[in-house]
C-alpha atoms as a PDB file:
ATOM      1  CA  GLN A   1     -51.358 -10.289 -45.818  1.00  0.00           C
ATOM      2  CA  PRO A   2     -48.177 -12.401 -46.286  1.00  0.00           C
ATOM      3  CA  GLY A   3     -46.841  -9.689 -48.623  1.00  0.00           C
ATOM      4  CA  ILE A   4     -47.397  -7.032 -46.001  1.00  0.00           C
ATOM      5  CA  THR A   5     -45.632  -9.172 -43.376  1.00  0.00           C
ATOM      6  CA  ILE A   6     -42.593  -9.761 -45.601  1.00  0.00           C
ATOM      7  CA  SER A   7     -42.403  -6.078 -46.475  1.00  0.00           C
ATOM      8  CA  SER A   8     -42.555  -5.163 -42.801  1.00  0.00           C
ATOM      9  CA  LEU A   9     -39.761  -7.615 -41.954  1.00  0.00           C
ATOM     10  CA  GLN A  10     -37.615  -6.285 -44.784  1.00  0.00           C
ATOM     11  CA  ARG A  11     -38.035  -2.705 -43.573  1.00  0.00           C
ATOM     12  CA  LYS A  12     -37.162  -3.777 -40.046  1.00  0.00           C
ATOM     13  CA  LYS A  13     -33.995  -5.541 -41.233  1.00  0.00           C
ATOM     14  CA  GLN A  14     -33.013  -2.546 -43.373  1.00  0.00           C
ATOM     15  CA  ALA A  15     -33.490  -0.241 -40.384  1.00  0.00           C
ATOM     16  CA  GLN A  16     -31.360  -2.530 -38.211  1.00  0.00           C
ATOM     17  CA  ARG A  17     -28.584  -2.613 -40.826  1.00  0.00           C
ATOM     18  CA  ALA A  18     -28.702   1.169 -41.172  1.00  0.00           C
ATOM     19  CA  ALA A  19     -28.509   1.586 -37.388  1.00  0.00           C
ATOM     20  CA  LEU A  20     -25.554  -0.799 -37.193  1.00  0.00           C
ATOM     21  CA  SER A  21     -23.739   1.020 -40.011  1.00  0.00           C
ATOM     22  CA  GLU A  22     -24.270   4.365 -38.283  1.00  0.00           C
ATOM     23  CA  GLU A  23     -23.060   2.943 -34.966  1.00  0.00           C
ATOM     24  CA  LEU A  24     -19.872   1.674 -36.618  1.00  0.00           C
ATOM     25  CA  ILE A  25     -19.227   5.035 -38.304  1.00  0.00           C
ATOM     26  CA  PHE A  26     -19.532   6.829 -34.948  1.00  0.00           C
ATOM     27  CA  GLN A  27     -17.099   4.352 -33.383  1.00  0.00           C
ATOM     28  CA  VAL A  28     -14.454   4.848 -36.074  1.00  0.00           C
ATOM     29  CA  PHE A  29     -14.692   8.611 -36.653  1.00  0.00           C
ATOM     30  CA  PRO A  30     -15.030  11.662 -34.394  1.00  0.00           C
ATOM     31  CA  LYS A  31     -18.663  12.756 -34.008  1.00  0.00           C
ATOM     32  CA  ASN A  32     -18.548  15.752 -36.378  1.00  0.00           C
ATOM     33  CA  VAL A  33     -16.724  13.724 -39.035  1.00  0.00           C
ATOM     34  CA  ALA A  34     -19.125  10.775 -38.659  1.00  0.00           C
ATOM     35  CA  GLU A  35     -22.124  13.095 -39.046  1.00  0.00           C
ATOM     36  CA  ALA A  36     -20.672  14.604 -42.229  1.00  0.00           C
ATOM     37  CA  LEU A  37     -19.956  11.181 -43.729  1.00  0.00           C
ATOM     38  CA  ARG A  38     -23.421   9.921 -42.778  1.00  0.00           C
ATOM     39  CA  ASP A  39     -25.023  12.934 -44.453  1.00  0.00           C
ATOM     40  CA  GLY A  40     -22.856  12.632 -47.574  1.00  0.00           C
ATOM     41  CA  LEU A  41     -21.040  15.920 -46.947  1.00  0.00           C
ATOM     42  CA  LYS A  42     -17.446  16.793 -47.757  1.00  0.00           C
ATOM     43  CA  VAL A  43     -15.192  16.471 -44.704  1.00  0.00           C
ATOM     44  CA  GLU A  44     -12.853  19.438 -44.411  1.00  0.00           C
ATOM     45  CA  ALA A  45      -9.337  19.121 -43.013  1.00  0.00           C
ATOM     46  CA  GLU A  46      -9.001  20.475 -39.463  1.00  0.00           C
ATOM     47  CA  SER A  47      -5.995  21.814 -37.595  1.00  0.00           C
ATOM     48  CA  PHE A  48      -5.362  21.294 -33.883  1.00  0.00           C
ATOM     49  CA  ASP A  49      -2.909  23.414 -31.913  1.00  0.00           C
ATOM     50  CA  CYS A  50      -1.750  20.731 -29.488  1.00  0.00           C
ATOM     51  CA  ILE A  51      -2.695  17.079 -29.232  1.00  0.00           C
ATOM     52  CA  THR A  52      -0.788  14.176 -27.700  1.00  0.00           C
ATOM     53  CA  CYS A  53      -0.167  11.213 -29.994  1.00  0.00           C
ATOM     54  CA  PHE A  54       0.718   7.703 -28.805  1.00  0.00           C
ATOM     55  CA  PHE A  55       2.258   4.725 -30.574  1.00  0.00           C
ATOM     56  CA  SER A  56       3.108   1.251 -29.326  1.00  0.00           C
ATOM     57  CA  ASP A  57       4.336  -1.913 -30.948  1.00  0.00           C
ATOM     58  CA  ILE A  58       5.084  -5.455 -29.853  1.00  0.00           C
ATOM     59  CA  VAL A  59       8.715  -6.293 -29.169  1.00  0.00           C
ATOM     60  CA  GLY A  60       9.760  -9.349 -31.196  1.00  0.00           C
ATOM     61  CA  PHE A  61       6.556  -9.416 -33.227  1.00  0.00           C
ATOM     62  CA  THR A  62       8.336 -10.666 -36.362  1.00  0.00           C
ATOM     63  CA  THR A  63       9.719 -13.643 -34.443  1.00  0.00           C
ATOM     64  CA  ILE A  64       6.334 -14.342 -32.855  1.00  0.00           C
ATOM     65  CA  SER A  65       4.666 -14.225 -36.276  1.00  0.00           C
ATOM     66  CA  THR A  66       7.228 -16.638 -37.690  1.00  0.00           C
ATOM     67  CA  LYS A  67       6.816 -19.214 -34.935  1.00  0.00           C
ATOM     68  CA  LEU A  68       3.108 -18.896 -34.177  1.00  0.00           C
ATOM     69  CA  ASP A  69       0.160 -20.056 -36.293  1.00  0.00           C
ATOM     70  CA  PRO A  70      -1.474 -17.026 -38.021  1.00  0.00           C
ATOM     71  CA  PHE A  71      -4.783 -17.746 -36.258  1.00  0.00           C
ATOM     72  CA  LYS A  72      -2.990 -17.559 -32.919  1.00  0.00           C
ATOM     73  CA  VAL A  73      -1.262 -14.315 -33.918  1.00  0.00           C
ATOM     74  CA  SER A  74      -4.673 -12.881 -34.790  1.00  0.00           C
ATOM     75  CA  ASP A  75      -6.098 -14.112 -31.472  1.00  0.00           C
ATOM     76  CA  MET A  76      -3.189 -12.592 -29.525  1.00  0.00           C
ATOM     77  CA  LEU A  77      -3.640  -9.194 -31.186  1.00  0.00           C
ATOM     78  CA  ASP A  78      -7.403  -9.329 -30.675  1.00  0.00           C
ATOM     79  CA  ARG A  79      -7.058 -10.079 -26.958  1.00  0.00           C
ATOM     80  CA  LEU A  80      -4.378  -7.416 -26.496  1.00  0.00           C
ATOM     81  CA  TYR A  81      -6.121  -4.647 -28.389  1.00  0.00           C
ATOM     82  CA  MET A  82      -9.477  -5.341 -26.804  1.00  0.00           C
ATOM     83  CA  ARG A  83      -7.737  -4.500 -23.511  1.00  0.00           C
ATOM     84  CA  PHE A  84      -6.257  -1.359 -25.102  1.00  0.00           C
ATOM     85  CA  ASP A  85      -9.664  -0.379 -26.513  1.00  0.00           C
ATOM     86  CA  ASP A  86     -11.309  -0.742 -23.098  1.00  0.00           C
ATOM     87  CA  LEU A  87      -8.628   1.457 -21.536  1.00  0.00           C
ATOM     88  CA  SER A  88      -8.949   4.040 -24.302  1.00  0.00           C
ATOM     89  CA  LEU A  89     -12.688   4.272 -23.574  1.00  0.00           C
ATOM     90  CA  GLU A  90     -12.082   4.446 -19.832  1.00  0.00           C
ATOM     91  CA  LEU A  91      -9.588   7.302 -20.194  1.00  0.00           C
ATOM     92  CA  ASP A  92     -11.473   8.910 -23.105  1.00  0.00           C
ATOM     93  CA  LEU A  93      -8.759   8.651 -25.760  1.00  0.00           C
ATOM     94  CA  PHE A  94      -9.453   8.618 -29.477  1.00  0.00           C
ATOM     95  CA  LYS A  95      -8.236   5.402 -31.090  1.00  0.00           C
ATOM     96  CA  VAL A  96      -6.746   6.422 -34.417  1.00  0.00           C
ATOM     97  CA  ASP A  97      -5.622   3.132 -35.920  1.00  0.00           C
ATOM     98  CA  THR A  98      -4.042  -0.287 -35.577  1.00  0.00           C
ATOM     99  CA  ILE A  99      -1.492  -1.240 -38.220  1.00  0.00           C
ATOM    100  CA  GLY A 100      -0.264  -4.794 -37.783  1.00  0.00           C
ATOM    101  CA  ASP A 101       1.114  -4.867 -34.251  1.00  0.00           C
ATOM    102  CA  ALA A 102       1.141  -1.072 -33.885  1.00  0.00           C
ATOM    103  CA  TYR A 103      -1.529   0.816 -31.928  1.00  0.00           C
ATOM    104  CA  MET A 104      -2.106   4.549 -32.366  1.00  0.00           C
ATOM    105  CA  ALA A 105      -4.221   6.846 -30.193  1.00  0.00           C
ATOM    106  CA  ALA A 106      -4.564  10.556 -29.437  1.00  0.00           C
ATOM    107  CA  THR A 107      -5.876  12.944 -26.807  1.00  0.00           C
ATOM    108  CA  ASN A 108      -7.188  16.516 -27.040  1.00  0.00           C
ATOM    109  CA  LEU A 109      -8.647  15.677 -30.442  1.00  0.00           C
ATOM    110  CA  HIS A 110     -12.225  16.937 -30.948  1.00  0.00           C
ATOM    111  CA  LYS A 111     -12.561  17.115 -27.159  1.00  0.00           C
ATOM    112  CA  ASP A 112     -11.079  19.793 -24.944  1.00  0.00           C
ATOM    113  CA  GLN A 113      -8.773  17.839 -22.614  1.00  0.00           C
ATOM    114  CA  PRO A 114      -6.504  20.201 -20.652  1.00  0.00           C
ATOM    115  CA  ASP A 115      -4.776  17.160 -19.110  1.00  0.00           C
ATOM    116  CA  HIS A 116      -4.125  15.501 -22.485  1.00  0.00           C
ATOM    117  CA  ALA A 117      -0.423  14.681 -21.925  1.00  0.00           C
ATOM    118  CA  ALA A 118      -0.967  13.402 -18.364  1.00  0.00           C
ATOM    119  CA  ARG A 119      -3.989  11.439 -19.557  1.00  0.00           C
ATOM    120  CA  MET A 120      -1.814   9.809 -22.203  1.00  0.00           C
ATOM    121  CA  ALA A 121       0.884   8.984 -19.659  1.00  0.00           C
ATOM    122  CA  LYS A 122      -1.745   7.209 -17.533  1.00  0.00           C
ATOM    123  CA  PHE A 123      -2.944   5.303 -20.595  1.00  0.00           C
ATOM    124  CA  CYS A 124       0.632   4.223 -21.340  1.00  0.00           C
ATOM    125  CA  ILE A 125       1.128   2.913 -17.812  1.00  0.00           C
ATOM    126  CA  ALA A 126      -2.175   1.031 -18.016  1.00  0.00           C
ATOM    127  CA  VAL A 127      -1.469  -0.595 -21.407  1.00  0.00           C
ATOM    128  CA  MET A 128       1.985  -1.676 -20.238  1.00  0.00           C
ATOM    129  CA  LYS A 129       0.316  -3.548 -17.393  1.00  0.00           C
ATOM    130  CA  ALA A 130      -2.347  -4.950 -19.721  1.00  0.00           C
ATOM    131  CA  SER A 131       0.205  -6.258 -22.215  1.00  0.00           C
ATOM    132  CA  ASP A 132       2.210  -7.899 -19.439  1.00  0.00           C
ATOM    133  CA  GLU A 133      -0.967  -9.766 -18.464  1.00  0.00           C
ATOM    134  CA  THR A 134      -1.734 -10.919 -22.030  1.00  0.00           C
ATOM    135  CA  LEU A 135      -0.493 -14.381 -22.969  1.00  0.00           C
ATOM    136  CA  ILE A 136       1.162 -14.784 -26.364  1.00  0.00           C
ATOM    137  CA  ASP A 137      -0.424 -18.229 -26.748  1.00  0.00           C
ATOM    138  CA  MET A 138      -3.455 -19.195 -24.663  1.00  0.00           C
ATOM    139  CA  ASP A 139      -2.655 -22.890 -25.223  1.00  0.00           C
ATOM    140  CA  ASP A 140       0.972 -22.539 -24.150  1.00  0.00           C
ATOM    141  CA  PRO A 141       1.509 -20.142 -21.206  1.00  0.00           C
ATOM    142  CA  GLY A 142       5.206 -21.059 -21.339  1.00  0.00           C
ATOM    143  CA  LYS A 143       5.586 -18.742 -24.333  1.00  0.00           C
ATOM    144  CA  GLY A 144       5.150 -15.855 -21.917  1.00  0.00           C
ATOM    145  CA  THR A 145       3.254 -12.587 -22.188  1.00  0.00           C
ATOM    146  CA  VAL A 146       3.245  -9.811 -24.746  1.00  0.00           C
ATOM    147  CA  GLN A 147       5.969  -7.188 -24.327  1.00  0.00           C
ATOM    148  CA  ILE A 148       5.538  -3.747 -25.864  1.00  0.00           C
ATOM    149  CA  ARG A 149       7.413  -0.483 -26.150  1.00  0.00           C
ATOM    150  CA  ALA A 150       5.579   2.835 -26.236  1.00  0.00           C
ATOM    151  CA  GLY A 151       6.140   6.500 -26.920  1.00  0.00           C
ATOM    152  CA  PHE A 152       4.274   9.772 -27.255  1.00  0.00           C
ATOM    153  CA  HIS A 153       4.743  13.391 -28.246  1.00  0.00           C
ATOM    154  CA  SER A 154       2.615  16.540 -28.094  1.00  0.00           C
ATOM    155  CA  GLY A 155       2.183  19.230 -30.719  1.00  0.00           C
ATOM    156  CA  PRO A 156       0.105  20.591 -33.619  1.00  0.00           C
ATOM    157  CA  ILE A 157      -1.450  18.376 -36.276  1.00  0.00           C
ATOM    158  CA  VAL A 158      -3.880  18.428 -39.192  1.00  0.00           C
ATOM    159  CA  ALA A 159      -6.601  15.758 -39.384  1.00  0.00           C
ATOM    160  CA  ASP A 160      -8.500  14.742 -42.496  1.00  0.00           C
ATOM    161  CA  VAL A 161     -10.458  11.870 -44.032  1.00  0.00           C
ATOM    162  CA  VAL A 162      -8.426  10.297 -46.815  1.00  0.00           C
ATOM    163  CA  GLY A 163     -10.000   8.347 -49.665  1.00  0.00           C
ATOM    164  CA  SER A 164     -13.578   7.558 -50.615  1.00  0.00           C
ATOM    165  CA  ARG A 165     -13.430   3.761 -50.559  1.00  0.00           C
ATOM    166  CA  SER A 166     -12.877   2.605 -46.969  1.00  0.00           C
ATOM    167  CA  PRO A 167     -12.209   6.230 -45.934  1.00  0.00           C
ATOM    168  CA  LYS A 168      -9.627   6.644 -43.217  1.00  0.00           C
ATOM    169  CA  TYR A 169      -9.300   9.344 -40.561  1.00  0.00           C
ATOM    170  CA  THR A 170      -5.644  10.331 -40.694  1.00  0.00           C
ATOM    171  CA  LEU A 171      -3.421  12.658 -38.662  1.00  0.00           C
ATOM    172  CA  PHE A 172      -0.671  14.614 -40.410  1.00  0.00           C
ATOM    173  CA  GLY A 173       2.305  16.657 -39.259  1.00  0.00           C
ATOM    174  CA  ASP A 174       5.726  16.425 -37.702  1.00  0.00           C
ATOM    175  CA  THR A 175       4.067  15.752 -34.338  1.00  0.00           C
ATOM    176  CA  ILE A 176       3.011  12.339 -35.643  1.00  0.00           C
ATOM    177  CA  ASN A 177       6.491  11.589 -36.981  1.00  0.00           C
ATOM    178  CA  THR A 178       8.060  12.550 -33.655  1.00  0.00           C
ATOM    179  CA  ALA A 179       5.563  10.454 -31.669  1.00  0.00           C
ATOM    180  CA  SER A 180       6.418   7.481 -33.864  1.00  0.00           C
ATOM    181  CA  ARG A 181      10.134   8.062 -33.228  1.00  0.00           C
ATOM    182  CA  MET A 182       9.509   8.170 -29.485  1.00  0.00           C
ATOM    183  CA  GLU A 183       8.042   4.681 -29.763  1.00  0.00           C
ATOM    184  CA  SER A 184      10.620   3.196 -32.142  1.00  0.00           C
ATOM    185  CA  ASN A 185      13.493   4.522 -30.016  1.00  0.00           C
ATOM    186  CA  SER A 186      11.939   3.342 -26.767  1.00  0.00           C
ATOM    187  CA  LEU A 187      12.895   0.078 -25.046  1.00  0.00           C
ATOM    188  CA  CYS A 188      11.026  -3.081 -24.162  1.00  0.00           C
ATOM    189  CA  GLY A 189       8.594  -2.391 -21.348  1.00  0.00           C
ATOM    190  CA  ARG A 190       9.380   1.336 -21.332  1.00  0.00           C
ATOM    191  CA  ILE A 191       7.401   4.495 -22.108  1.00  0.00           C
ATOM    192  CA  GLN A 192       9.377   7.284 -23.753  1.00  0.00           C
ATOM    193  CA  CYS A 193       8.197  10.823 -24.409  1.00  0.00           C
ATOM    194  CA  SER A 194       9.637  14.037 -25.790  1.00  0.00           C
ATOM    195  CA  ASP A 195      10.708  16.988 -23.658  1.00  0.00           C
ATOM    196  CA  THR A 196       7.608  18.861 -24.842  1.00  0.00           C
ATOM    197  CA  SER A 197       5.325  16.119 -23.542  1.00  0.00           C
ATOM    198  CA  ALA A 198       7.358  15.687 -20.363  1.00  0.00           C
ATOM    199  CA  GLU A 199       6.891  19.361 -19.465  1.00  0.00           C
ATOM    200  CA  LEU A 200       3.146  19.071 -20.080  1.00  0.00           C
ATOM    201  CA  VAL A 201       2.830  15.883 -18.005  1.00  0.00           C
ATOM    202  CA  ILE A 202       4.660  17.463 -15.056  1.00  0.00           C
ATOM    203  CA  ALA A 203       2.487  20.602 -15.277  1.00  0.00           C
ATOM    204  CA  GLN A 204      -0.766  18.682 -15.696  1.00  0.00           C
ATOM    205  CA  ASP A 205      -0.183  15.998 -13.051  1.00  0.00           C
ATOM    206  CA  PRO A 206       2.883  16.312 -10.778  1.00  0.00           C
ATOM    207  CA  THR A 207       2.126  12.896  -9.229  1.00  0.00           C
ATOM    208  CA  ILE A 208       3.271  11.117 -12.411  1.00  0.00           C
ATOM    209  CA  THR A 209       6.940  10.119 -12.294  1.00  0.00           C
ATOM    210  CA  VAL A 210       8.916  11.577 -15.191  1.00  0.00           C
ATOM    211  CA  VAL A 211      12.631  10.710 -15.425  1.00  0.00           C
ATOM    212  CA  SER A 212      15.173  12.109 -17.867  1.00  0.00           C
ATOM    213  CA  ARG A 213      16.642   9.539 -20.235  1.00  0.00           C
ATOM    214  CA  GLY A 214      19.173  12.050 -21.468  1.00  0.00           C
ATOM    215  CA  HIS A 215      19.994  13.003 -25.038  1.00  0.00           C
ATOM    216  CA  ILE A 216      19.641  10.377 -27.765  1.00  0.00           C
ATOM    217  CA  LYS A 217      20.071  10.478 -31.531  1.00  0.00           C
ATOM    218  CA  VAL A 218      16.750  10.151 -33.316  1.00  0.00           C
ATOM    219  CA  LYS A 219      16.560   9.389 -37.029  1.00  0.00           C
ATOM    220  CA  GLY A 220      15.352  12.410 -38.959  1.00  0.00           C
ATOM    221  CA  LYS A 221      15.309  14.557 -35.824  1.00  0.00           C
ATOM    222  CA  GLY A 222      18.926  14.720 -34.705  1.00  0.00           C
ATOM    223  CA  GLU A 223      19.678  14.785 -30.986  1.00  0.00           C
ATOM    224  CA  MET A 224      16.701  14.928 -28.647  1.00  0.00           C
ATOM    225  CA  HIS A 225      16.318  15.097 -24.899  1.00  0.00           C
ATOM    226  CA  THR A 226      13.773  12.413 -24.031  1.00  0.00           C
ATOM    227  CA  PHE A 227      12.120  11.192 -20.849  1.00  0.00           C
ATOM    228  CA  TRP A 228      10.782   7.985 -19.319  1.00  0.00           C
ATOM    229  CA  ILE A 229       7.324   7.748 -17.776  1.00  0.00           C
ATOM    230  CA  GLU A 230       7.615   5.480 -14.760  1.00  0.00           C
ATOM    231  CA  PRO A 231       4.737   3.608 -13.113  1.00  0.00           C
ATOM    232  CA  SER A 232       4.217   4.265  -9.421  1.00  0.00           C
ATOM    233  CA  ASP A 233       3.916   1.535  -6.787  1.00  0.00           C
ATOM    234  CA  ALA A 234       0.151   2.076  -6.851  1.00  0.00           C
ATOM    235  CA  ASP A 235       0.066   1.266 -10.584  1.00  0.00           C
END
């Protein structure tokens, strides 16, 4: 009888671990990709005609990392990106990755979202507010709150799972490069987007305030006409 009990407990624990592993896979990968990985199938690269890709990073992160204990840096990022994750779920964005202090997300990926650019603009406004409410150091409010810059761009991409050990869902294409440039050329507390995204935002939700920044020089892209997404009084 004891042997039967132990065997039953072992099976129960194995089932719980398997369920947890599957849950994690479905959190990290789109549903069709997660199902293929779970079933041991080859994941084929997919092309998407038009998605909107977002990047943000923390202004002055290098300085913060130099002056703050690594455990506190980790705690700051955890608190900040838990807020971002909640907002991404609320607005139904796909979280692509976090790399250091950078956060990457996309819309219109594996889900038909006709308002994908406007949806991203709303996400940007929300994460700006969230970051401004996130203390750098919980033990020292005098250090202030986290300040970010953000940017996004819309266009075609290819998505694929790269690698077999710790496989990673990765987006490829000039759209991703341009979205990254929109972020890196943005300013503290500002949301910058390309003219392509600006046109889509205006068409998809005219209530969102889109303001021309003018033409700026962008590394690897030349001169680009970019736009600011401005929060409304209600935001």
